[in-house]
Amino acid sequence: MKQRTTTVRALIDPKKKENVSRILRRMGINHSEAINIFYSLIEEYQGFPFDLKLPDKKDGQDVNPEIISHLKQSMKKNYRLGELLAK
């Protein structure tokens, strides 16, 4: 019996998608396979398979402000989602 699948949609910066597509091709996998791997890791770890935190400003590292803004927005959304799920 064939396993059922569902669709996951995401908005991605076109340049980032192009860059990642090249990397995935070199790895011999496509976007769907990469997403399935990522989801499997999230399932295994019961969360992200890596620490997700904002860089410490004391490090002196220059971080793209757009990335920081995106991370902050994502963390707020996920925190609110966690609060709703905990009820």
PDB file of N, CA and C in Angstrom:
ATOM      1  N   MET A   1       0.847  -1.184   0.000  1.00  0.00           N
ATOM      2  CA  MET A   1       0.000   0.000   0.000  1.00  0.00           C
ATOM      3  C   MET A   1       0.890   1.244   0.000  1.00  0.00           C
ATOM      4  N   LYS A   2       0.596   2.169  -0.882  1.00  0.00           N
ATOM      5  CA  LYS A   2       1.389   3.389  -0.989  1.00  0.00           C
ATOM      6  C   LYS A   2       1.112   4.312   0.190  1.00  0.00           C
ATOM      7  N   GLN A   3       2.191   4.852   0.748  1.00  0.00           N
ATOM      8  CA  GLN A   3       2.069   5.763   1.868  1.00  0.00           C
ATOM      9  C   GLN A   3       1.514   7.101   1.397  1.00  0.00           C
ATOM     10  N   ARG A   4       0.576   7.661   2.162  1.00  0.00           N
ATOM     11  CA  ARG A   4      -0.004   8.953   1.801  1.00  0.00           C
ATOM     12  C   ARG A   4       0.955  10.070   2.172  1.00  0.00           C
ATOM     13  N   THR A   5       0.903  11.150   1.433  1.00  0.00           N
ATOM     14  CA  THR A   5       1.743  12.317   1.703  1.00  0.00           C
ATOM     15  C   THR A   5       0.870  13.553   1.765  1.00  0.00           C
ATOM     16  N   THR A   6       1.452  14.628   2.254  1.00  0.00           N
ATOM     17  CA  THR A   6       0.771  15.907   2.298  1.00  0.00           C
ATOM     18  C   THR A   6       1.737  16.975   1.809  1.00  0.00           C
ATOM     19  N   THR A   7       1.223  18.131   1.522  1.00  0.00           N
ATOM     20  CA  THR A   7       2.036  19.224   0.998  1.00  0.00           C
ATOM     21  C   THR A   7       2.397  20.203   2.102  1.00  0.00           C
ATOM     22  N   VAL A   8       3.647  20.652   2.083  1.00  0.00           N
ATOM     23  CA  VAL A   8       4.126  21.705   2.977  1.00  0.00           C
ATOM     24  C   VAL A   8       4.517  22.874   2.085  1.00  0.00           C
ATOM     25  N   ARG A   9       3.993  24.054   2.387  1.00  0.00           N
ATOM     26  CA  ARG A   9       4.323  25.235   1.592  1.00  0.00           C
ATOM     27  C   ARG A   9       5.077  26.215   2.454  1.00  0.00           C
ATOM     28  N   ALA A  10       6.075  26.859   1.854  1.00  0.00           N
ATOM     29  CA  ALA A  10       6.863  27.848   2.580  1.00  0.00           C
ATOM     30  C   ALA A  10       7.270  28.959   1.627  1.00  0.00           C
ATOM     31  N   LEU A  11       7.323  30.166   2.140  1.00  0.00           N
ATOM     32  CA  LEU A  11       7.816  31.294   1.360  1.00  0.00           C
ATOM     33  C   LEU A  11       9.302  31.426   1.623  1.00  0.00           C
ATOM     34  N   ILE A  12      10.104  31.371   0.572  1.00  0.00           N
ATOM     35  CA  ILE A  12      11.558  31.409   0.671  1.00  0.00           C
ATOM     36  C   ILE A  12      12.095  32.479  -0.269  1.00  0.00           C
ATOM     37  N   ASP A  13      13.099  33.199   0.187  1.00  0.00           N
ATOM     38  CA  ASP A  13      13.772  34.162  -0.669  1.00  0.00           C
ATOM     39  C   ASP A  13      14.299  33.423  -1.908  1.00  0.00           C
ATOM     40  N   PRO A  14      14.006  33.918  -3.116  1.00  0.00           N
ATOM     41  CA  PRO A  14      14.414  33.211  -4.340  1.00  0.00           C
ATOM     42  C   PRO A  14      15.917  32.943  -4.428  1.00  0.00           C
ATOM     43  N   LYS A  15      16.733  33.883  -4.007  1.00  0.00           N
ATOM     44  CA  LYS A  15      18.185  33.703  -4.061  1.00  0.00           C
ATOM     45  C   LYS A  15      18.629  32.591  -3.109  1.00  0.00           C
ATOM     46  N   LYS A  16      18.022  32.575  -1.918  1.00  0.00           N
ATOM     47  CA  LYS A  16      18.344  31.532  -0.944  1.00  0.00           C
ATOM     48  C   LYS A  16      17.944  30.163  -1.493  1.00  0.00           C
ATOM     49  N   LYS A  17      16.765  30.077  -2.113  1.00  0.00           N
ATOM     50  CA  LYS A  17      16.304  28.805  -2.692  1.00  0.00           C
ATOM     51  C   LYS A  17      17.271  28.333  -3.775  1.00  0.00           C
ATOM     52  N   GLU A  18      17.715  29.248  -4.601  1.00  0.00           N
ATOM     53  CA  GLU A  18      18.661  28.921  -5.667  1.00  0.00           C
ATOM     54  C   GLU A  18      19.975  28.395  -5.082  1.00  0.00           C
ATOM     55  N   ASN A  19      20.492  29.086  -4.057  1.00  0.00           N
ATOM     56  CA  ASN A  19      21.737  28.657  -3.408  1.00  0.00           C
ATOM     57  C   ASN A  19      21.589  27.277  -2.777  1.00  0.00           C
ATOM     58  N   VAL A  20      20.479  27.068  -2.075  1.00  0.00           N
ATOM     59  CA  VAL A  20      20.243  25.781  -1.418  1.00  0.00           C
ATOM     60  C   VAL A  20      20.028  24.685  -2.462  1.00  0.00           C
ATOM     61  N   SER A  21      19.359  25.007  -3.558  1.00  0.00           N
ATOM     62  CA  SER A  21      19.150  24.017  -4.626  1.00  0.00           C
ATOM     63  C   SER A  21      20.478  23.481  -5.140  1.00  0.00           C
ATOM     64  N   ARG A  22      21.455  24.357  -5.318  1.00  0.00           N
ATOM     65  CA  ARG A  22      22.787  23.920  -5.781  1.00  0.00           C
ATOM     66  C   ARG A  22      23.439  22.977  -4.772  1.00  0.00           C
ATOM     67  N   ILE A  23      23.325  23.340  -3.500  1.00  0.00           N
ATOM     68  CA  ILE A  23      23.909  22.504  -2.441  1.00  0.00           C
ATOM     69  C   ILE A  23      23.235  21.136  -2.409  1.00  0.00           C
ATOM     70  N   LEU A  24      21.899  21.144  -2.454  1.00  0.00           N
ATOM     71  CA  LEU A  24      21.160  19.880  -2.406  1.00  0.00           C
ATOM     72  C   LEU A  24      21.477  18.998  -3.610  1.00  0.00           C
ATOM     73  N   ARG A  25      21.621  19.602  -4.786  1.00  0.00           N
ATOM     74  CA  ARG A  25      21.981  18.822  -5.986  1.00  0.00           C
ATOM     75  C   ARG A  25      23.319  18.123  -5.783  1.00  0.00           C
ATOM     76  N   ARG A  26      24.287  18.850  -5.212  1.00  0.00           N
ATOM     77  CA  ARG A  26      25.601  18.255  -4.945  1.00  0.00           C
ATOM     78  C   ARG A  26      25.495  17.108  -3.943  1.00  0.00           C
ATOM     79  N   MET A  27      24.523  17.209  -3.034  1.00  0.00           N
ATOM     80  CA  MET A  27      24.311  16.156  -2.043  1.00  0.00           C
ATOM     81  C   MET A  27      23.492  14.994  -2.615  1.00  0.00           C
ATOM     82  N   GLY A  28      22.882  15.225  -3.776  1.00  0.00           N
ATOM     83  CA  GLY A  28      22.083  14.181  -4.410  1.00  0.00           C
ATOM     84  C   GLY A  28      20.672  14.044  -3.863  1.00  0.00           C
ATOM     85  N   ILE A  29      20.161  15.128  -3.265  1.00  0.00           N
ATOM     86  CA  ILE A  29      18.787  15.093  -2.756  1.00  0.00           C
ATOM     87  C   ILE A  29      18.028  16.319  -3.247  1.00  0.00           C
ATOM     88  N   ASN A  30      16.709  16.236  -3.187  1.00  0.00           N
ATOM     89  CA  ASN A  30      15.884  17.368  -3.605  1.00  0.00           C
ATOM     90  C   ASN A  30      15.288  18.057  -2.373  1.00  0.00           C
ATOM     91  N   HIS A  31      14.527  19.100  -2.608  1.00  0.00           N
ATOM     92  CA  HIS A  31      13.952  19.877  -1.504  1.00  0.00           C
ATOM     93  C   HIS A  31      13.031  19.021  -0.636  1.00  0.00           C
ATOM     94  N   SER A  32      12.204  18.192  -1.250  1.00  0.00           N
ATOM     95  CA  SER A  32      11.283  17.346  -0.482  1.00  0.00           C
ATOM     96  C   SER A  32      12.048  16.405   0.434  1.00  0.00           C
ATOM     97  N   GLU A  33      13.103  15.811  -0.082  1.00  0.00           N
ATOM     98  CA  GLU A  33      13.899  14.897   0.744  1.00  0.00           C
ATOM     99  C   GLU A  33      14.569  15.645   1.897  1.00  0.00           C
ATOM    100  N   ALA A  34      15.074  16.847   1.620  1.00  0.00           N
ATOM    101  CA  ALA A  34      15.711  17.646   2.670  1.00  0.00           C
ATOM    102  C   ALA A  34      14.697  18.010   3.757  1.00  0.00           C
ATOM    103  N   ILE A  35      13.511  18.397   3.355  1.00  0.00           N
ATOM    104  CA  ILE A  35      12.466  18.748   4.324  1.00  0.00           C
ATOM    105  C   ILE A  35      12.077  17.518   5.138  1.00  0.00           C
ATOM    106  N   ASN A  36      11.958  16.358   4.484  1.00  0.00           N
ATOM    107  CA  ASN A  36      11.632  15.123   5.204  1.00  0.00           C
ATOM    108  C   ASN A  36      12.712  14.777   6.222  1.00  0.00           C
ATOM    109  N   ILE A  37      13.976  14.967   5.863  1.00  0.00           N
ATOM    110  CA  ILE A  37      15.077  14.720   6.802  1.00  0.00           C
ATOM    111  C   ILE A  37      14.956  15.670   7.990  1.00  0.00           C
ATOM    112  N   PHE A  38      14.729  16.948   7.703  1.00  0.00           N
ATOM    113  CA  PHE A  38      14.610  17.942   8.765  1.00  0.00           C
ATOM    114  C   PHE A  38      13.442  17.606   9.690  1.00  0.00           C
ATOM    115  N   TYR A  39      12.292  17.271   9.132  1.00  0.00           N
ATOM    116  CA  TYR A  39      11.121  16.926   9.939  1.00  0.00           C
ATOM    117  C   TYR A  39      11.379  15.676  10.773  1.00  0.00           C
ATOM    118  N   SER A  40      12.092  14.700  10.211  1.00  0.00           N
ATOM    119  CA  SER A  40      12.422  13.483  10.965  1.00  0.00           C
ATOM    120  C   SER A  40      13.303  13.821  12.162  1.00  0.00           C
ATOM    121  N   LEU A  41      14.253  14.740  11.969  1.00  0.00           N
ATOM    122  CA  LEU A  41      15.119  15.154  13.070  1.00  0.00           C
ATOM    123  C   LEU A  41      14.332  15.907  14.144  1.00  0.00           C
ATOM    124  N   ILE A  42      13.413  16.769  13.728  1.00  0.00           N
ATOM    125  CA  ILE A  42      12.564  17.490  14.684  1.00  0.00           C
ATOM    126  C   ILE A  42      11.756  16.485  15.501  1.00  0.00           C
ATOM    127  N   GLU A  43      11.216  15.480  14.829  1.00  0.00           N
ATOM    128  CA  GLU A  43      10.438  14.446  15.505  1.00  0.00           C
ATOM    129  C   GLU A  43      11.317  13.675  16.505  1.00  0.00           C
ATOM    130  N   GLU A  44      12.517  13.297  16.073  1.00  0.00           N
ATOM    131  CA  GLU A  44      13.444  12.535  16.922  1.00  0.00           C
ATOM    132  C   GLU A  44      13.868  13.329  18.151  1.00  0.00           C
ATOM    133  N   TYR A  45      14.202  14.609  17.959  1.00  0.00           N
ATOM    134  CA  TYR A  45      14.693  15.454  19.047  1.00  0.00           C
ATOM    135  C   TYR A  45      13.566  16.120  19.839  1.00  0.00           C
ATOM    136  N   GLN A  46      12.331  15.984  19.351  1.00  0.00           N
ATOM    137  CA  GLN A  46      11.190  16.666  19.964  1.00  0.00           C
ATOM    138  C   GLN A  46      11.415  18.174  19.972  1.00  0.00           C
ATOM    139  N   GLY A  47      11.965  18.690  18.908  1.00  0.00           N
ATOM    140  CA  GLY A  47      12.280  20.113  18.738  1.00  0.00           C
ATOM    141  C   GLY A  47      13.356  20.222  17.675  1.00  0.00           C
ATOM    142  N   PHE A  48      13.916  21.386  17.535  1.00  0.00           N
ATOM    143  CA  PHE A  48      14.973  21.567  16.545  1.00  0.00           C
ATOM    144  C   PHE A  48      16.190  20.716  16.911  1.00  0.00           C
ATOM    145  N   PRO A  49      16.865  20.177  15.906  1.00  0.00           N
ATOM    146  CA  PRO A  49      18.038  19.342  16.177  1.00  0.00           C
ATOM    147  C   PRO A  49      19.297  20.175  16.426  1.00  0.00           C
ATOM    148  N   PHE A  50      19.124  21.422  16.774  1.00  0.00           N
ATOM    149  CA  PHE A  50      20.229  22.326  17.068  1.00  0.00           C
ATOM    150  C   PHE A  50      19.695  23.427  17.963  1.00  0.00           C
ATOM    151  N   ASP A  51      20.598  24.104  18.671  1.00  0.00           N
ATOM    152  CA  ASP A  51      20.184  25.223  19.511  1.00  0.00           C
ATOM    153  C   ASP A  51      19.790  26.396  18.633  1.00  0.00           C
ATOM    154  N   LEU A  52      18.676  26.999  18.949  1.00  0.00           N
ATOM    155  CA  LEU A  52      18.202  28.161  18.216  1.00  0.00           C
ATOM    156  C   LEU A  52      18.242  29.344  19.174  1.00  0.00           C
ATOM    157  N   LYS A  53      19.207  30.228  18.952  1.00  0.00           N
ATOM    158  CA  LYS A  53      19.344  31.380  19.826  1.00  0.00           C
ATOM    159  C   LYS A  53      19.921  32.544  19.036  1.00  0.00           C
ATOM    160  N   LEU A  54      19.696  33.723  19.561  1.00  0.00           N
ATOM    161  CA  LEU A  54      20.235  34.917  18.934  1.00  0.00           C
ATOM    162  C   LEU A  54      21.704  35.042  19.297  1.00  0.00           C
ATOM    163  N   PRO A  55      22.526  35.533  18.373  1.00  0.00           N
ATOM    164  CA  PRO A  55      23.941  35.717  18.689  1.00  0.00           C
ATOM    165  C   PRO A  55      24.127  36.733  19.809  1.00  0.00           C
ATOM    166  N   ASP A  56      25.146  36.527  20.608  1.00  0.00           N
ATOM    167  CA  ASP A  56      25.480  37.435  21.697  1.00  0.00           C
ATOM    168  C   ASP A  56      26.210  38.642  21.109  1.00  0.00           C
ATOM    169  N   LYS A  57      25.706  39.828  21.359  1.00  0.00           N
ATOM    170  CA  LYS A  57      26.321  41.042  20.806  1.00  0.00           C
ATOM    171  C   LYS A  57      27.754  41.218  21.307  1.00  0.00           C
ATOM    172  N   LYS A  58      28.089  40.622  22.432  1.00  0.00           N
ATOM    173  CA  LYS A  58      29.431  40.756  22.997  1.00  0.00           C
ATOM    174  C   LYS A  58      30.473  40.063  22.125  1.00  0.00           C
ATOM    175  N   ASP A  59      30.030  39.109  21.323  1.00  0.00           N
ATOM    176  CA  ASP A  59      30.966  38.374  20.473  1.00  0.00           C
ATOM    177  C   ASP A  59      31.618  39.265  19.423  1.00  0.00           C
ATOM    178  N   GLY A  60      30.976  40.387  19.113  1.00  0.00           N
ATOM    179  CA  GLY A  60      31.519  41.290  18.115  1.00  0.00           C
ATOM    180  C   GLY A  60      31.301  40.813  16.686  1.00  0.00           C
ATOM    181  N   GLN A  61      30.512  39.777  16.535  1.00  0.00           N
ATOM    182  CA  GLN A  61      30.251  39.265  15.196  1.00  0.00           C
ATOM    183  C   GLN A  61      29.200  40.140  14.520  1.00  0.00           C
ATOM    184  N   ASP A  62      29.442  40.414  13.262  1.00  0.00           N
ATOM    185  CA  ASP A  62      28.458  41.165  12.489  1.00  0.00           C
ATOM    186  C   ASP A  62      27.440  40.194  11.931  1.00  0.00           C
ATOM    187  N   VAL A  63      26.199  40.395  12.304  1.00  0.00           N
ATOM    188  CA  VAL A  63      25.117  39.535  11.832  1.00  0.00           C
ATOM    189  C   VAL A  63      24.150  40.399  11.043  1.00  0.00           C
ATOM    190  N   ASN A  64      23.733  39.897   9.908  1.00  0.00           N
ATOM    191  CA  ASN A  64      22.797  40.595   9.055  1.00  0.00           C
ATOM    192  C   ASN A  64      21.542  40.955   9.864  1.00  0.00           C
ATOM    193  N   PRO A  65      21.183  42.249   9.950  1.00  0.00           N
ATOM    194  CA  PRO A  65      20.003  42.665  10.721  1.00  0.00           C
ATOM    195  C   PRO A  65      18.714  41.998  10.230  1.00  0.00           C
ATOM    196  N   GLU A  66      18.645  41.686   8.948  1.00  0.00           N
ATOM    197  CA  GLU A  66      17.458  41.013   8.406  1.00  0.00           C
ATOM    198  C   GLU A  66      17.309  39.618   9.023  1.00  0.00           C
ATOM    199  N   ILE A  67      18.415  38.935   9.221  1.00  0.00           N
ATOM    200  CA  ILE A  67      18.383  37.604   9.837  1.00  0.00           C
ATOM    201  C   ILE A  67      17.933  37.714  11.285  1.00  0.00           C
ATOM    202  N   ILE A  68      18.474  38.698  11.999  1.00  0.00           N
ATOM    203  CA  ILE A  68      18.094  38.902  13.400  1.00  0.00           C
ATOM    204  C   ILE A  68      16.596  39.186  13.492  1.00  0.00           C
ATOM    205  N   SER A  69      16.090  40.049  12.635  1.00  0.00           N
ATOM    206  CA  SER A  69      14.669  40.391  12.632  1.00  0.00           C
ATOM    207  C   SER A  69      13.821  39.146  12.367  1.00  0.00           C
ATOM    208  N   HIS A  70      14.216  38.344  11.381  1.00  0.00           N
ATOM    209  CA  HIS A  70      13.474  37.128  11.051  1.00  0.00           C
ATOM    210  C   HIS A  70      13.481  36.151  12.226  1.00  0.00           C
ATOM    211  N   LEU A  71      14.643  35.972  12.868  1.00  0.00           N
ATOM    212  CA  LEU A  71      14.739  35.072  14.023  1.00  0.00           C
ATOM    213  C   LEU A  71      13.848  35.541  15.167  1.00  0.00           C
ATOM    214  N   LYS A  72      13.866  36.843  15.447  1.00  0.00           N
ATOM    215  CA  LYS A  72      13.041  37.371  16.531  1.00  0.00           C
ATOM    216  C   LYS A  72      11.561  37.140  16.254  1.00  0.00           C
ATOM    217  N   GLN A  73      11.125  37.401  15.017  1.00  0.00           N
ATOM    218  CA  GLN A  73       9.725  37.195  14.656  1.00  0.00           C
ATOM    219  C   GLN A  73       9.352  35.716  14.767  1.00  0.00           C
ATOM    220  N   SER A  74      10.219  34.834  14.284  1.00  0.00           N
ATOM    221  CA  SER A  74       9.950  33.396  14.344  1.00  0.00           C
ATOM    222  C   SER A  74       9.867  32.913  15.784  1.00  0.00           C
ATOM    223  N   MET A  75      10.779  33.414  16.630  1.00  0.00           N
ATOM    224  CA  MET A  75      10.775  32.993  18.028  1.00  0.00           C
ATOM    225  C   MET A  75       9.500  33.459  18.728  1.00  0.00           C
ATOM    226  N   LYS A  76       9.036  34.675  18.441  1.00  0.00           N
ATOM    227  CA  LYS A  76       7.798  35.174  19.044  1.00  0.00           C
ATOM    228  C   LYS A  76       6.614  34.316  18.624  1.00  0.00           C
ATOM    229  N   LYS A  77       6.524  34.002  17.313  1.00  0.00           N
ATOM    230  CA  LYS A  77       5.425  33.180  16.810  1.00  0.00           C
ATOM    231  C   LYS A  77       5.448  31.803  17.456  1.00  0.00           C
ATOM    232  N   ASN A  78       6.632  31.184  17.536  1.00  0.00           N
ATOM    233  CA  ASN A  78       6.737  29.847  18.104  1.00  0.00           C
ATOM    234  C   ASN A  78       6.454  29.852  19.600  1.00  0.00           C
ATOM    235  N   TYR A  79       6.831  30.905  20.307  1.00  0.00           N
ATOM    236  CA  TYR A  79       6.544  31.010  21.728  1.00  0.00           C
ATOM    237  C   TYR A  79       5.036  31.086  21.949  1.00  0.00           C
ATOM    238  N   ARG A  80       4.363  31.926  21.140  1.00  0.00           N
ATOM    239  CA  ARG A  80       2.908  32.049  21.263  1.00  0.00           C
ATOM    240  C   ARG A  80       2.233  30.734  20.916  1.00  0.00           C
ATOM    241  N   LEU A  81       2.712  30.057  19.909  1.00  0.00           N
ATOM    242  CA  LEU A  81       2.153  28.757  19.521  1.00  0.00           C
ATOM    243  C   LEU A  81       2.334  27.767  20.671  1.00  0.00           C
ATOM    244  N   GLY A  82       3.504  27.753  21.288  1.00  0.00           N
ATOM    245  CA  GLY A  82       3.759  26.879  22.423  1.00  0.00           C
ATOM    246  C   GLY A  82       2.817  27.150  23.585  1.00  0.00           C
ATOM    247  N   GLU A  83       2.560  28.428  23.841  1.00  0.00           N
ATOM    248  CA  GLU A  83       1.623  28.788  24.905  1.00  0.00           C
ATOM    249  C   GLU A  83       0.220  28.271  24.599  1.00  0.00           C
ATOM    250  N   LEU A  84      -0.209  28.400  23.348  1.00  0.00           N
ATOM    251  CA  LEU A  84      -1.533  27.924  22.969  1.00  0.00           C
ATOM    252  C   LEU A  84      -1.632  26.398  23.078  1.00  0.00           C
ATOM    253  N   LEU A  85      -0.594  25.709  22.660  1.00  0.00           N
ATOM    254  CA  LEU A  85      -0.596  24.252  22.707  1.00  0.00           C
ATOM    255  C   LEU A  85      -0.552  23.737  24.143  1.00  0.00           C
ATOM    256  N   ALA A  86       0.048  24.510  25.050  1.00  0.00           N
ATOM    257  CA  ALA A  86       0.174  24.090  26.435  1.00  0.00           C
ATOM    258  C   ALA A  86      -1.151  24.189  27.198  1.00  0.00           C
ATOM    259  N   LYS A  87      -2.103  24.929  26.665  1.00  0.00           N
ATOM    260  CA  LYS A  87      -3.404  25.129  27.356  1.00  0.00           C
ATOM    261  C   LYS A  87      -4.248  23.887  27.277  1.00  0.00           C
TER     262      LYS A  87
END
